[in-house]
Structure formats: C-alpha cells, structure tokens
Amino acid sequence: MPEKQVWLDKRKDEIIAIHGDAKEFALRFNPDIQVSCALNLEKSLTGNAPTLRQLEYAYGVKSIRAWFSIQLENLNKFVGVANKMTVEQMQMLADIFIVKVPYLKASEILLFFHKFKSGDLGELYGSVDPLKLSTSLNEFLKWRSFELDKVYQRQREEKRRIDIENSKINGITREEYEEKKAKANNHDNN
C-alpha cells in the first residue's frame, strides 16, 4: 500500500475517533463555532482540524457537501435577502471549495464564513451570490497567507528566544571551551 494511502487511512481513523461520524462532525463544526474560530485565529489556522480533503476521505463528498450547505444556509439566514442560494448552487459551491482548496481545514472554512459575514471579504447585493463567495475565497486565501506568515514568524522568534535562553543556561564561554579543548588534547596526548 502506498505511503500516502497509509497516512490517509490513519488520519481517517483519527478523524472518526475524534469527531465521530459525519453527522457528529457537522454538529461539532456547526455555524455557531465560527465565532470561536475567529477568536482563536492561530489555532484555527494551524490547529489539527481536518482538511477538506481529509474530510472527503473520511466521510465522503456527499457528507462534505451537506456540511458545507449548513454553513451556506446559515449565511442565507444571516444576510436575510429574498434571493437565496438553491440546493444545487450550494452543492456546486461546495464542490468548488473541495477542488480548489482541499488543504483548508474545517476551522478555516468556518473562519471564512465569519469573515464574510463580518464584511471583511466584500458585500452581497440582493442575493447570496455563489460567484461572490467563490471570488471572496481568493481574498480570504491572501489574508490567510499573510496571517500564517505572521504566526510562523512569531513561532520562529519564540524558538530563537528559547534557544538563546537555553544557551545562556547550558552554554559555556569561549574561554571555557578553549580550556576544555586543551584538557582534552592533553588527555589524548598522554
């Protein structure tokens, strides 16, 4: 069995062990969690939530479409416009996300919807427009990239700070190093 397949099988088992079946997953990652994702940006972006590809592998594409449609129904309610997305449009939009951004985590999808509702990714005029959502995804991906850069930079700086502290605790001066080296050379020569 190819290595990637073994990893996917293991990840599928982890997802089901942690989140249960597709219905339990949808209940756990419901639209109410969008706020938590927005409040915990770093965890949402770098945490261990499953990606769309992993969810598709664990639960199947129909389940992912259904979960995605729940998010879109919530957006329909939030926007309160007369022209709502049809079920078919929701499924097509879900498919676009599954194909275009399979690497996004479920938490990032929730974050996307929160940012969209917050007006950070544009506005809707008169209807919940699937094309507007798919183009807003591009803005979200740019924002995500910028935020991930900031997170990784903070992590590198923290690691560097810890390394410096550890070297102060565990390190030796140049003079101590030269002295140990000289003793070792003397020991080897004897």
N, C-alpha and C. Protein backbone atom coordinates (compact mmCIF):
# COMPACT_ATOMS: atom_id res chain seq x y z
N MET A 1 0.85 -1.18 0.00
CA MET A 1 0.00 0.00 0.00
C MET A 1 0.89 1.24 0.00
N PRO A 2 0.64 2.20 -0.89
CA PRO A 2 1.46 3.41 -0.94
C PRO A 2 1.45 4.16 0.40
N GLU A 3 2.55 4.84 0.67
CA GLU A 3 2.72 5.55 1.94
C GLU A 3 1.62 6.59 2.17
N LYS A 4 1.25 7.33 1.11
CA LYS A 4 0.21 8.35 1.24
C LYS A 4 -1.12 7.71 1.64
N GLN A 5 -1.43 6.57 1.07
CA GLN A 5 -2.67 5.86 1.39
C GLN A 5 -2.69 5.42 2.85
N VAL A 6 -1.56 4.93 3.34
CA VAL A 6 -1.46 4.52 4.74
C VAL A 6 -1.70 5.72 5.65
N TRP A 7 -1.09 6.86 5.29
CA TRP A 7 -1.27 8.07 6.09
C TRP A 7 -2.73 8.51 6.08
N LEU A 8 -3.36 8.49 4.91
CA LEU A 8 -4.77 8.89 4.81
C LEU A 8 -5.67 7.96 5.63
N ASP A 9 -5.39 6.66 5.57
CA ASP A 9 -6.18 5.71 6.36
C ASP A 9 -6.04 5.99 7.85
N LYS A 10 -4.81 6.26 8.28
CA LYS A 10 -4.56 6.58 9.70
C LYS A 10 -5.30 7.87 10.08
N ARG A 11 -5.19 8.88 9.23
CA ARG A 11 -5.85 10.17 9.50
C ARG A 11 -7.37 10.00 9.52
N LYS A 12 -7.90 9.19 8.62
CA LYS A 12 -9.34 8.91 8.61
C LYS A 12 -9.77 8.32 9.95
N ASP A 13 -9.00 7.35 10.43
CA ASP A 13 -9.31 6.72 11.72
C ASP A 13 -9.25 7.75 12.86
N GLU A 14 -8.27 8.64 12.81
CA GLU A 14 -8.14 9.70 13.83
C GLU A 14 -9.35 10.63 13.80
N ILE A 15 -9.74 11.04 12.59
CA ILE A 15 -10.87 11.97 12.44
C ILE A 15 -12.14 11.34 13.01
N ILE A 16 -12.39 10.11 12.66
CA ILE A 16 -13.60 9.43 13.14
C ILE A 16 -13.53 9.21 14.65
N ALA A 17 -12.34 8.89 15.17
CA ALA A 17 -12.19 8.70 16.62
C ALA A 17 -12.44 10.00 17.38
N ILE A 18 -11.98 11.10 16.82
CA ILE A 18 -12.12 12.40 17.50
C ILE A 18 -13.50 13.02 17.27
N HIS A 19 -13.98 12.98 16.02
CA HIS A 19 -15.19 13.72 15.66
C HIS A 19 -16.42 12.85 15.44
N GLY A 20 -16.26 11.53 15.47
CA GLY A 20 -17.39 10.65 15.25
C GLY A 20 -17.75 10.55 13.79
N ASP A 21 -18.99 10.17 13.52
CA ASP A 21 -19.42 10.04 12.13
C ASP A 21 -19.68 11.42 11.52
N ALA A 22 -20.11 11.45 10.27
CA ALA A 22 -20.30 12.72 9.56
C ALA A 22 -21.30 13.63 10.26
N LYS A 23 -22.35 13.04 10.80
CA LYS A 23 -23.36 13.84 11.48
C LYS A 23 -22.79 14.49 12.75
N GLU A 24 -22.04 13.70 13.51
CA GLU A 24 -21.42 14.25 14.72
C GLU A 24 -20.42 15.34 14.37
N PHE A 25 -19.67 15.12 13.29
CA PHE A 25 -18.73 16.15 12.84
C PHE A 25 -19.48 17.45 12.52
N ALA A 26 -20.57 17.33 11.76
CA ALA A 26 -21.35 18.52 11.37
C ALA A 26 -21.91 19.23 12.60
N LEU A 27 -22.30 18.48 13.61
CA LEU A 27 -22.79 19.09 14.84
C LEU A 27 -21.67 19.81 15.58
N ARG A 28 -20.49 19.21 15.58
CA ARG A 28 -19.35 19.81 16.27
C ARG A 28 -18.85 21.06 15.55
N PHE A 29 -18.81 21.02 14.22
CA PHE A 29 -18.33 22.15 13.43
C PHE A 29 -19.51 22.90 12.81
N ASN A 30 -20.45 23.26 13.65
CA ASN A 30 -21.66 23.96 13.18
C ASN A 30 -21.37 25.46 13.07
N PRO A 31 -22.27 26.21 12.45
CA PRO A 31 -22.02 27.65 12.25
C PRO A 31 -21.79 28.45 13.53
N ASP A 32 -22.31 27.98 14.65
CA ASP A 32 -22.08 28.70 15.91
C ASP A 32 -20.60 28.73 16.28
N ILE A 33 -19.81 27.82 15.76
CA ILE A 33 -18.38 27.73 16.07
C ILE A 33 -17.57 28.76 15.29
N GLN A 34 -18.19 29.39 14.32
CA GLN A 34 -17.48 30.40 13.52
C GLN A 34 -16.86 31.48 14.41
N VAL A 35 -17.58 31.90 15.44
CA VAL A 35 -17.07 32.94 16.35
C VAL A 35 -15.83 32.44 17.09
N SER A 36 -15.88 31.20 17.58
CA SER A 36 -14.72 30.62 18.27
C SER A 36 -13.51 30.58 17.36
N CYS A 37 -13.74 30.23 16.10
CA CYS A 37 -12.63 30.20 15.14
C CYS A 37 -12.05 31.59 14.94
N ALA A 38 -12.90 32.59 14.89
CA ALA A 38 -12.43 33.97 14.72
C ALA A 38 -11.68 34.46 15.96
N LEU A 39 -12.11 34.02 17.12
CA LEU A 39 -11.46 34.43 18.37
C LEU A 39 -10.13 33.72 18.59
N ASN A 40 -9.96 32.58 17.95
CA ASN A 40 -8.74 31.77 18.11
C ASN A 40 -8.07 31.60 16.74
N LEU A 41 -7.65 32.72 16.17
CA LEU A 41 -7.11 32.70 14.80
C LEU A 41 -5.96 31.71 14.63
N GLU A 42 -4.99 31.79 15.52
CA GLU A 42 -3.82 30.93 15.35
C GLU A 42 -4.20 29.46 15.40
N LYS A 43 -5.04 29.08 16.33
CA LYS A 43 -5.47 27.69 16.42
C LYS A 43 -6.28 27.30 15.18
N SER A 44 -7.14 28.20 14.71
CA SER A 44 -7.94 27.91 13.52
C SER A 44 -7.06 27.69 12.29
N LEU A 45 -5.98 28.45 12.20
CA LEU A 45 -5.11 28.37 11.03
C LEU A 45 -4.08 27.23 11.12
N THR A 46 -3.64 26.92 12.33
CA THR A 46 -2.54 25.96 12.46
C THR A 46 -2.90 24.73 13.29
N GLY A 47 -4.11 24.68 13.80
CA GLY A 47 -4.51 23.56 14.66
C GLY A 47 -4.68 22.26 13.87
N ASN A 48 -5.23 21.28 14.54
CA ASN A 48 -5.31 19.93 13.98
C ASN A 48 -6.68 19.61 13.38
N ALA A 49 -7.49 20.61 13.08
CA ALA A 49 -8.78 20.34 12.45
C ALA A 49 -8.54 19.67 11.11
N PRO A 50 -9.41 18.76 10.71
CA PRO A 50 -9.21 18.07 9.44
C PRO A 50 -9.40 19.00 8.25
N THR A 51 -8.68 18.70 7.17
CA THR A 51 -8.81 19.47 5.94
C THR A 51 -10.01 18.95 5.14
N LEU A 52 -10.40 19.71 4.15
CA LEU A 52 -11.50 19.27 3.28
C LEU A 52 -11.18 17.94 2.62
N ARG A 53 -9.94 17.77 2.18
CA ARG A 53 -9.55 16.51 1.53
C ARG A 53 -9.66 15.34 2.53
N GLN A 54 -9.20 15.57 3.75
CA GLN A 54 -9.28 14.52 4.77
C GLN A 54 -10.73 14.21 5.12
N LEU A 55 -11.55 15.24 5.20
CA LEU A 55 -12.98 15.04 5.48
C LEU A 55 -13.65 14.27 4.35
N GLU A 56 -13.30 14.62 3.13
CA GLU A 56 -13.86 13.91 1.98
C GLU A 56 -13.48 12.43 2.05
N TYR A 57 -12.25 12.16 2.41
CA TYR A 57 -11.78 10.78 2.50
C TYR A 57 -12.47 10.05 3.66
N ALA A 58 -12.66 10.76 4.77
CA ALA A 58 -13.25 10.13 5.96
C ALA A 58 -14.76 9.93 5.81
N TYR A 59 -15.45 10.92 5.26
CA TYR A 59 -16.92 10.89 5.27
C TYR A 59 -17.57 10.82 3.89
N GLY A 60 -16.81 11.11 2.85
CA GLY A 60 -17.38 11.11 1.51
C GLY A 60 -17.81 12.50 1.08
N VAL A 61 -17.85 12.72 -0.21
CA VAL A 61 -18.13 14.04 -0.75
C VAL A 61 -19.56 14.49 -0.43
N LYS A 62 -20.52 13.58 -0.40
CA LYS A 62 -21.90 13.97 -0.10
C LYS A 62 -22.01 14.56 1.31
N SER A 63 -21.31 13.97 2.25
CA SER A 63 -21.34 14.48 3.62
C SER A 63 -20.68 15.86 3.72
N ILE A 64 -19.61 16.05 2.96
CA ILE A 64 -18.94 17.36 2.98
C ILE A 64 -19.84 18.41 2.34
N ARG A 65 -20.50 18.05 1.25
CA ARG A 65 -21.46 18.98 0.64
C ARG A 65 -22.56 19.35 1.64
N ALA A 66 -23.06 18.36 2.37
CA ALA A 66 -24.13 18.62 3.34
C ALA A 66 -23.62 19.55 4.44
N TRP A 67 -22.41 19.30 4.96
CA TRP A 67 -21.84 20.16 5.99
C TRP A 67 -21.64 21.58 5.45
N PHE A 68 -21.13 21.68 4.26
CA PHE A 68 -20.91 22.98 3.64
C PHE A 68 -22.24 23.70 3.44
N SER A 69 -23.27 22.97 3.04
CA SER A 69 -24.60 23.56 2.83
C SER A 69 -25.17 24.12 4.13
N ILE A 70 -24.85 23.48 5.25
CA ILE A 70 -25.28 24.01 6.55
C ILE A 70 -24.68 25.40 6.77
N GLN A 71 -23.41 25.55 6.41
CA GLN A 71 -22.76 26.87 6.55
C GLN A 71 -23.43 27.89 5.63
N LEU A 72 -23.76 27.46 4.42
CA LEU A 72 -24.39 28.36 3.46
C LEU A 72 -25.82 28.72 3.86
N GLU A 73 -26.56 27.76 4.41
CA GLU A 73 -27.92 28.06 4.92
C GLU A 73 -27.83 29.11 6.02
N ASN A 74 -26.83 28.97 6.88
CA ASN A 74 -26.63 29.94 7.94
C ASN A 74 -26.33 31.31 7.35
N LEU A 75 -25.53 31.36 6.29
CA LEU A 75 -25.24 32.62 5.61
C LEU A 75 -26.51 33.19 4.99
N ASN A 76 -27.31 32.35 4.37
CA ASN A 76 -28.59 32.79 3.82
C ASN A 76 -29.43 33.48 4.89
N LYS A 77 -29.53 32.86 6.07
CA LYS A 77 -30.30 33.45 7.18
C LYS A 77 -29.69 34.77 7.63
N PHE A 78 -28.37 34.80 7.73
CA PHE A 78 -27.68 35.99 8.20
C PHE A 78 -27.92 37.16 7.27
N VAL A 79 -27.78 36.93 5.98
CA VAL A 79 -27.90 38.01 5.00
C VAL A 79 -29.33 38.50 4.92
N GLY A 80 -30.29 37.59 5.04
CA GLY A 80 -31.68 37.98 5.04
C GLY A 80 -32.19 38.55 3.73
N VAL A 81 -31.60 38.12 2.64
CA VAL A 81 -32.05 38.61 1.34
C VAL A 81 -33.15 37.72 0.79
N ALA A 82 -33.89 38.23 -0.15
CA ALA A 82 -35.00 37.48 -0.73
C ALA A 82 -34.51 36.32 -1.60
N ASN A 83 -33.46 36.57 -2.38
CA ASN A 83 -32.95 35.54 -3.29
C ASN A 83 -31.88 34.72 -2.60
N LYS A 84 -32.24 33.53 -2.22
CA LYS A 84 -31.32 32.63 -1.53
C LYS A 84 -30.70 31.67 -2.54
N MET A 85 -29.58 31.07 -2.15
CA MET A 85 -28.95 30.05 -2.98
C MET A 85 -29.81 28.80 -3.01
N THR A 86 -29.87 28.19 -4.15
CA THR A 86 -30.59 26.92 -4.27
C THR A 86 -29.70 25.79 -3.75
N VAL A 87 -30.30 24.65 -3.50
CA VAL A 87 -29.54 23.48 -3.05
C VAL A 87 -28.48 23.12 -4.09
N GLU A 88 -28.86 23.18 -5.35
CA GLU A 88 -27.92 22.86 -6.42
C GLU A 88 -26.73 23.83 -6.43
N GLN A 89 -27.01 25.13 -6.24
CA GLN A 89 -25.93 26.11 -6.19
C GLN A 89 -25.01 25.84 -5.00
N MET A 90 -25.61 25.49 -3.86
CA MET A 90 -24.81 25.19 -2.67
C MET A 90 -23.88 24.00 -2.92
N GLN A 91 -24.40 22.98 -3.56
CA GLN A 91 -23.59 21.80 -3.84
C GLN A 91 -22.47 22.13 -4.82
N MET A 92 -22.77 22.93 -5.83
CA MET A 92 -21.73 23.31 -6.78
C MET A 92 -20.66 24.16 -6.10
N LEU A 93 -21.08 25.06 -5.21
CA LEU A 93 -20.12 25.88 -4.50
C LEU A 93 -19.26 25.02 -3.57
N ALA A 94 -19.88 24.06 -2.90
CA ALA A 94 -19.13 23.13 -2.06
C ALA A 94 -18.08 22.40 -2.90
N ASP A 95 -18.47 21.96 -4.08
CA ASP A 95 -17.53 21.26 -4.97
C ASP A 95 -16.37 22.16 -5.38
N ILE A 96 -16.65 23.44 -5.61
CA ILE A 96 -15.59 24.38 -5.96
C ILE A 96 -14.58 24.46 -4.82
N PHE A 97 -15.06 24.57 -3.60
CA PHE A 97 -14.16 24.63 -2.45
C PHE A 97 -13.38 23.33 -2.30
N ILE A 98 -14.05 22.19 -2.44
CA ILE A 98 -13.40 20.89 -2.29
C ILE A 98 -12.27 20.73 -3.31
N VAL A 99 -12.49 21.20 -4.52
CA VAL A 99 -11.48 21.06 -5.58
C VAL A 99 -10.41 22.14 -5.46
N LYS A 100 -10.83 23.37 -5.21
CA LYS A 100 -9.88 24.50 -5.24
C LYS A 100 -9.00 24.57 -3.99
N VAL A 101 -9.57 24.28 -2.82
CA VAL A 101 -8.82 24.46 -1.57
C VAL A 101 -8.95 23.23 -0.66
N PRO A 102 -8.56 22.06 -1.16
CA PRO A 102 -8.71 20.85 -0.34
C PRO A 102 -7.85 20.88 0.92
N TYR A 103 -6.86 21.76 0.95
CA TYR A 103 -5.95 21.88 2.08
C TYR A 103 -6.52 22.74 3.23
N LEU A 104 -7.62 23.47 2.98
CA LEU A 104 -8.19 24.27 4.06
C LEU A 104 -8.79 23.37 5.11
N LYS A 105 -8.56 23.74 6.36
CA LYS A 105 -9.11 23.00 7.48
C LYS A 105 -10.57 23.39 7.69
N ALA A 106 -11.32 22.52 8.34
CA ALA A 106 -12.71 22.84 8.66
C ALA A 106 -12.78 24.14 9.45
N SER A 107 -11.85 24.35 10.36
CA SER A 107 -11.82 25.59 11.15
C SER A 107 -11.60 26.80 10.27
N GLU A 108 -10.83 26.65 9.21
CA GLU A 108 -10.59 27.76 8.29
C GLU A 108 -11.82 28.05 7.44
N ILE A 109 -12.58 27.02 7.10
CA ILE A 109 -13.83 27.24 6.37
C ILE A 109 -14.79 28.04 7.26
N LEU A 110 -14.88 27.66 8.53
CA LEU A 110 -15.73 28.41 9.46
C LEU A 110 -15.24 29.84 9.60
N LEU A 111 -13.94 30.01 9.64
CA LEU A 111 -13.35 31.34 9.72
C LEU A 111 -13.68 32.15 8.46
N PHE A 112 -13.62 31.51 7.30
CA PHE A 112 -14.00 32.17 6.05
C PHE A 112 -15.42 32.72 6.15
N PHE A 113 -16.36 31.91 6.61
CA PHE A 113 -17.75 32.36 6.70
C PHE A 113 -17.90 33.49 7.71
N HIS A 114 -17.17 33.42 8.80
CA HIS A 114 -17.23 34.51 9.79
C HIS A 114 -16.71 35.81 9.18
N LYS A 115 -15.58 35.73 8.50
CA LYS A 115 -15.02 36.93 7.87
C LYS A 115 -15.95 37.46 6.78
N PHE A 116 -16.60 36.57 6.06
CA PHE A 116 -17.55 37.01 5.03
C PHE A 116 -18.72 37.75 5.68
N LYS A 117 -19.27 37.18 6.74
CA LYS A 117 -20.38 37.83 7.45
C LYS A 117 -19.96 39.16 8.05
N SER A 118 -18.69 39.24 8.44
CA SER A 118 -18.18 40.47 9.05
C SER A 118 -17.96 41.58 8.03
N GLY A 119 -18.09 41.26 6.75
CA GLY A 119 -17.88 42.26 5.71
C GLY A 119 -16.42 42.41 5.31
N ASP A 120 -15.56 41.54 5.83
CA ASP A 120 -14.14 41.63 5.51
C ASP A 120 -13.82 41.15 4.11
N LEU A 121 -14.74 40.44 3.48
CA LEU A 121 -14.48 39.85 2.16
C LEU A 121 -15.43 40.37 1.10
N GLY A 122 -16.03 41.50 1.34
CA GLY A 122 -16.93 42.09 0.36
C GLY A 122 -18.36 42.10 0.82
N GLU A 123 -19.24 42.54 -0.05
CA GLU A 123 -20.66 42.68 0.26
C GLU A 123 -21.51 41.90 -0.73
N LEU A 124 -22.73 41.61 -0.29
CA LEU A 124 -23.71 40.98 -1.17
C LEU A 124 -24.80 42.00 -1.47
N TYR A 125 -25.27 42.00 -2.68
CA TYR A 125 -26.30 42.94 -3.08
C TYR A 125 -27.52 42.18 -3.59
N GLY A 126 -28.54 42.06 -2.78
CA GLY A 126 -29.80 41.50 -3.23
C GLY A 126 -29.94 40.00 -3.19
N SER A 127 -28.82 39.27 -3.18
CA SER A 127 -28.90 37.81 -3.11
C SER A 127 -27.58 37.25 -2.62
N VAL A 128 -27.64 36.03 -2.11
CA VAL A 128 -26.42 35.34 -1.74
C VAL A 128 -25.88 34.75 -3.04
N ASP A 129 -24.83 35.37 -3.53
CA ASP A 129 -24.30 35.07 -4.85
C ASP A 129 -23.14 34.08 -4.75
N PRO A 130 -23.28 32.88 -5.32
CA PRO A 130 -22.20 31.90 -5.27
C PRO A 130 -20.90 32.41 -5.89
N LEU A 131 -21.01 33.18 -6.97
CA LEU A 131 -19.81 33.71 -7.61
C LEU A 131 -19.10 34.70 -6.68
N LYS A 132 -19.86 35.50 -5.95
CA LYS A 132 -19.26 36.43 -5.00
C LYS A 132 -18.52 35.65 -3.90
N LEU A 133 -19.12 34.55 -3.45
CA LEU A 133 -18.46 33.74 -2.43
C LEU A 133 -17.18 33.11 -2.96
N SER A 134 -17.22 32.60 -4.18
CA SER A 134 -16.02 31.96 -4.71
C SER A 134 -14.92 32.98 -4.99
N THR A 135 -15.27 34.19 -5.40
CA THR A 135 -14.24 35.21 -5.58
C THR A 135 -13.74 35.74 -4.24
N SER A 136 -14.62 35.76 -3.23
CA SER A 136 -14.19 36.17 -1.89
C SER A 136 -13.20 35.18 -1.30
N LEU A 137 -13.29 33.95 -1.76
CA LEU A 137 -12.34 32.94 -1.31
C LEU A 137 -10.91 33.36 -1.65
N ASN A 138 -10.73 33.98 -2.81
CA ASN A 138 -9.39 34.44 -3.19
C ASN A 138 -8.86 35.48 -2.21
N GLU A 139 -9.72 36.41 -1.79
CA GLU A 139 -9.33 37.41 -0.79
C GLU A 139 -8.99 36.73 0.53
N PHE A 140 -9.79 35.76 0.91
CA PHE A 140 -9.54 35.02 2.14
C PHE A 140 -8.18 34.33 2.07
N LEU A 141 -7.87 33.72 0.94
CA LEU A 141 -6.59 33.00 0.81
C LEU A 141 -5.41 33.95 0.94
N LYS A 142 -5.52 35.15 0.40
CA LYS A 142 -4.45 36.16 0.55
C LYS A 142 -4.31 36.53 2.02
N TRP A 143 -5.44 36.79 2.68
CA TRP A 143 -5.41 37.15 4.09
C TRP A 143 -4.82 36.00 4.91
N ARG A 144 -5.24 34.77 4.61
CA ARG A 144 -4.75 33.58 5.32
C ARG A 144 -3.23 33.46 5.19
N SER A 145 -2.73 33.65 3.98
CA SER A 145 -1.29 33.56 3.75
C SER A 145 -0.54 34.59 4.59
N PHE A 146 -1.05 35.81 4.62
CA PHE A 146 -0.43 36.87 5.42
C PHE A 146 -0.45 36.51 6.91
N GLU A 147 -1.59 36.03 7.39
CA GLU A 147 -1.72 35.66 8.80
C GLU A 147 -0.82 34.49 9.17
N LEU A 148 -0.73 33.50 8.28
CA LEU A 148 0.15 32.35 8.54
C LEU A 148 1.61 32.81 8.60
N ASP A 149 1.99 33.73 7.72
CA ASP A 149 3.35 34.28 7.78
C ASP A 149 3.62 34.91 9.13
N LYS A 150 2.66 35.68 9.65
CA LYS A 150 2.82 36.31 10.96
C LYS A 150 2.94 35.25 12.07
N VAL A 151 2.10 34.23 12.00
CA VAL A 151 2.13 33.16 13.01
C VAL A 151 3.48 32.46 12.99
N TYR A 152 3.94 32.08 11.79
CA TYR A 152 5.21 31.37 11.69
C TYR A 152 6.38 32.24 12.11
N GLN A 153 6.31 33.53 11.82
CA GLN A 153 7.36 34.46 12.25
C GLN A 153 7.39 34.54 13.78
N ARG A 154 6.22 34.63 14.40
CA ARG A 154 6.14 34.64 15.87
C ARG A 154 6.72 33.35 16.45
N GLN A 155 6.40 32.22 15.83
CA GLN A 155 6.91 30.94 16.30
C GLN A 155 8.43 30.86 16.17
N ARG A 156 8.97 31.36 15.05
CA ARG A 156 10.44 31.37 14.87
C ARG A 156 11.10 32.26 15.91
N GLU A 157 10.50 33.43 16.16
CA GLU A 157 11.06 34.35 17.16
C GLU A 157 11.02 33.73 18.55
N GLU A 158 9.94 33.04 18.87
CA GLU A 158 9.83 32.39 20.18
C GLU A 158 10.86 31.27 20.31
N LYS A 159 11.03 30.48 19.25
CA LYS A 159 12.03 29.41 19.28
C LYS A 159 13.43 30.00 19.46
N ARG A 160 13.70 31.08 18.76
CA ARG A 160 15.01 31.74 18.87
C ARG A 160 15.23 32.25 20.30
N ARG A 161 14.19 32.86 20.87
CA ARG A 161 14.29 33.36 22.25
C ARG A 161 14.58 32.21 23.21
N ILE A 162 13.89 31.09 23.04
CA ILE A 162 14.09 29.93 23.91
C ILE A 162 15.50 29.36 23.71
N ASP A 163 15.94 29.30 22.46
CA ASP A 163 17.30 28.80 22.17
C ASP A 163 18.35 29.68 22.85
N ILE A 164 18.15 30.99 22.80
CA ILE A 164 19.09 31.92 23.44
C ILE A 164 19.09 31.70 24.95
N GLU A 165 17.91 31.57 25.55
CA GLU A 165 17.83 31.33 26.99
C GLU A 165 18.51 30.01 27.36
N ASN A 166 18.26 28.98 26.57
CA ASN A 166 18.88 27.68 26.83
C ASN A 166 20.39 27.74 26.69
N SER A 167 20.86 28.50 25.72
CA SER A 167 22.31 28.60 25.55
C SER A 167 22.95 29.36 26.71
N LYS A 168 22.22 30.29 27.28
CA LYS A 168 22.74 31.01 28.45
C LYS A 168 22.82 30.08 29.65
N ILE A 169 21.84 29.18 29.75
CA ILE A 169 21.81 28.24 30.88
C ILE A 169 22.80 27.11 30.66
N ASN A 170 22.81 26.55 29.47
CA ASN A 170 23.61 25.36 29.19
C ASN A 170 24.92 25.65 28.46
N GLY A 171 25.08 26.86 27.99
CA GLY A 171 26.24 27.20 27.18
C GLY A 171 27.48 27.47 28.02
N ILE A 172 28.60 27.54 27.35
CA ILE A 172 29.86 27.87 28.01
C ILE A 172 30.51 29.02 27.24
N THR A 173 31.39 29.70 27.91
CA THR A 173 32.09 30.82 27.27
C THR A 173 33.17 30.27 26.34
N ARG A 174 33.70 31.14 25.52
CA ARG A 174 34.78 30.74 24.61
C ARG A 174 36.00 30.26 25.41
N GLU A 175 36.28 30.97 26.48
CA GLU A 175 37.42 30.61 27.32
C GLU A 175 37.23 29.21 27.92
N GLU A 176 36.00 28.93 28.41
CA GLU A 176 35.72 27.60 28.96
C GLU A 176 35.87 26.53 27.90
N TYR A 177 35.41 26.83 26.68
CA TYR A 177 35.54 25.89 25.56
C TYR A 177 37.00 25.61 25.26
N GLU A 178 37.81 26.68 25.16
CA GLU A 178 39.24 26.52 24.86
C GLU A 178 39.93 25.72 25.97
N GLU A 179 39.54 25.97 27.20
CA GLU A 179 40.14 25.25 28.33
C GLU A 179 39.79 23.76 28.25
N LYS A 180 38.52 23.44 27.98
CA LYS A 180 38.10 22.04 27.86
C LYS A 180 38.79 21.37 26.68
N LYS A 181 38.94 22.10 25.59
CA LYS A 181 39.59 21.57 24.40
C LYS A 181 41.05 21.26 24.70
N ALA A 182 41.72 22.19 25.40
CA ALA A 182 43.13 21.99 25.75
C ALA A 182 43.29 20.79 26.67
N LYS A 183 42.40 20.64 27.65
CA LYS A 183 42.45 19.49 28.55
C LYS A 183 42.24 18.20 27.79
N ALA A 184 41.28 18.22 26.84
CA ALA A 184 41.03 17.01 26.04
C ALA A 184 42.22 16.66 25.19
N ASN A 185 42.87 17.67 24.62
CA ASN A 185 44.07 17.42 23.80
C ASN A 185 45.19 16.87 24.65
N ASN A 186 45.38 17.44 25.84
CA ASN A 186 46.40 16.95 26.76
C ASN A 186 46.11 15.52 27.18
N HIS A 187 44.86 15.22 27.42
CA HIS A 187 44.46 13.86 27.81
C HIS A 187 44.71 12.87 26.69
N ASP A 188 44.41 13.29 25.44
CA ASP A 188 44.64 12.42 24.28
C ASP A 188 46.13 12.18 24.02
N ASN A 189 46.95 13.18 24.31
CA ASN A 189 48.39 13.07 24.07
C ASN A 189 49.10 12.21 25.12
N ASN A 190 48.48 12.06 26.25
CA ASN A 190 49.11 11.27 27.34
C ASN A 190 48.83 9.84 27.19
